Amino acid sequence: MLKLTIEAAEQIRRAAEDSDTGKLALRVAAKRGPDGSIEYGMGFDAERANDLQFLSEGIAILVSPHSKELLMGTVLDFVEIEPGEFQFIFSNPNDTGAPPAAESPA
C-alpha cells in the first residue's frame, strides 16, 4: 500500500496541528486522468464505510477501495523542489508515463 517518508509524515503532523483537525486521518485518493496519468488528492477526513485504514510513519491513512490499486507501492515524500519551495511528491510505480506528481501541502 502507500508509504510515507519521515519527511512527509512530519509535514502532515505539522499541517494537522496547524489546522486543528483533531483525530481526523489523512485521506489519499487517486484516479486516472484523461491522458492515462494518475491524479492525486489528499486532505484530512473522517473514515467512511468500506475505507481501507492503515498506519505509515505513525500517520493514520484512509484510502477508498477505488484508489487502492492505483496507490499500491506508492511513496509519498515531502521534498525541496527549489530553494525554499517544498512540495509533496507521489512516486508511483503504477504511473508509467508521467514524472512524479506534486501535490500542494495539506
Protein backbone atom coordinates (compact mmCIF):
# COMPACT_ATOMS: atom_id res chain seq x y z
CA MET A 1 0.00 0.00 0.00
CA LEU A 2 1.01 3.66 0.20
CA LYS A 3 4.04 4.54 2.34
CA LEU A 4 5.08 7.89 3.78
CA THR A 5 8.65 9.07 4.17
CA ILE A 6 9.66 10.50 7.54
CA GLU A 7 9.72 14.00 5.97
CA ALA A 8 6.18 13.63 4.61
CA ALA A 9 4.89 12.34 7.96
CA GLU A 10 6.46 15.27 9.82
CA GLN A 11 4.85 17.79 7.43
CA ILE A 12 1.47 16.08 7.71
CA ARG A 13 1.69 16.23 11.52
CA ARG A 14 2.50 19.95 11.33
CA ALA A 15 -0.41 20.57 8.94
CA ALA A 16 -2.78 18.65 11.25
CA GLU A 17 -1.66 20.70 14.25
CA ASP A 18 -1.91 23.99 12.34
CA SER A 19 -5.42 23.24 11.06
CA ASP A 20 -6.66 21.73 14.35
CA THR A 21 -8.08 18.64 12.62
CA GLY A 22 -8.27 16.68 15.85
CA LYS A 23 -8.37 12.95 15.28
CA LEU A 24 -9.04 13.03 11.53
CA ALA A 25 -6.94 10.79 9.31
CA LEU A 26 -5.17 11.68 6.07
CA ARG A 27 -7.25 10.65 3.07
CA VAL A 28 -5.30 9.93 -0.11
CA ALA A 29 -7.15 9.47 -3.39
CA ALA A 30 -6.02 8.57 -6.90
CA LYS A 31 -7.71 8.37 -10.29
CA ARG A 32 -6.64 8.03 -13.91
CA GLY A 33 -6.57 11.29 -15.83
CA PRO A 34 -7.63 11.67 -19.47
CA ASP A 35 -4.02 11.13 -20.61
CA GLY A 36 -3.66 7.92 -18.55
CA SER A 37 -1.53 9.50 -15.82
CA ILE A 38 -2.60 9.22 -12.20
CA GLU A 39 -4.05 12.29 -10.49
CA TYR A 40 -3.83 12.59 -6.69
CA GLY A 41 -5.71 14.32 -3.92
CA MET A 42 -5.25 14.38 -0.18
CA GLY A 43 -6.69 16.03 2.89
CA PHE A 44 -7.87 15.33 6.41
CA ASP A 45 -11.12 13.37 6.63
CA ALA A 46 -13.24 11.04 8.74
CA GLU A 47 -13.44 7.35 7.96
CA ARG A 48 -16.23 6.23 5.62
CA ALA A 49 -17.81 2.84 5.03
CA ASN A 50 -15.50 0.48 3.10
CA ASP A 51 -12.40 2.69 3.57
CA LEU A 52 -9.08 0.97 3.99
CA GLN A 53 -7.29 2.37 7.03
CA PHE A 54 -3.64 1.79 7.88
CA LEU A 55 -0.65 3.49 9.51
CA SER A 56 2.55 4.72 7.91
CA GLU A 57 5.19 6.51 10.00
CA GLY A 58 2.55 6.92 12.72
CA ILE A 59 0.04 8.68 10.43
CA ALA A 60 -3.44 7.18 10.03
CA ILE A 61 -4.23 6.98 6.31
CA LEU A 62 -7.59 6.39 4.62
CA VAL A 63 -7.93 5.07 1.06
CA SER A 64 -11.16 4.25 -0.75
CA PRO A 65 -11.37 0.85 -2.46
CA HIS A 66 -11.45 2.70 -5.83
CA SER A 67 -7.99 4.20 -5.19
CA LYS A 68 -6.36 1.10 -3.69
CA GLU A 69 -4.96 -0.43 -6.90
CA LEU A 70 -3.62 2.88 -8.19
CA LEU A 71 -1.79 3.57 -4.91
CA MET A 72 -0.15 0.15 -4.43
CA GLY A 73 3.60 0.62 -3.99
CA THR A 74 3.38 4.44 -3.93
CA VAL A 75 5.70 6.51 -1.73
CA LEU A 76 4.61 9.98 -0.59
CA ASP A 77 7.57 12.27 0.12
CA PHE A 78 7.96 15.94 1.04
CA VAL A 79 10.90 17.48 -0.78
CA GLU A 80 12.51 20.81 -1.56
CA ILE A 81 11.89 21.38 -5.28
CA GLU A 82 13.78 24.68 -5.40
CA PRO A 83 15.40 26.60 -2.56
CA GLY A 84 12.59 27.38 -0.10
CA GLU A 85 9.89 25.63 -2.21
CA PHE A 86 8.66 22.37 -0.68
CA GLN A 87 6.04 20.01 -2.11
CA PHE A 88 4.57 16.58 -1.56
CA ILE A 89 5.66 14.19 -4.30
CA PHE A 90 3.98 10.89 -5.19
CA SER A 91 6.41 8.28 -6.56
CA ASN A 92 4.19 5.61 -8.02
CA PRO A 93 5.32 2.54 -9.98
CA ASN A 94 1.79 2.29 -11.44
CA ASP A 95 2.10 5.71 -13.13
CA THR A 96 4.22 4.61 -16.07
CA GLY A 97 4.10 7.60 -18.39
CA ALA A 98 4.38 10.60 -16.11
CA PRO A 99 7.04 12.18 -13.87
CA PRO A 100 6.38 12.10 -10.09
CA ALA A 101 3.25 14.11 -9.33
CA ALA A 102 3.37 17.04 -6.92
CA GLU A 103 0.60 17.98 -4.51
CA SER A 104 0.44 21.22 -2.59
CA PRO A 105 0.87 20.98 1.21
CA ALA A 106 -2.09 19.69 3.23
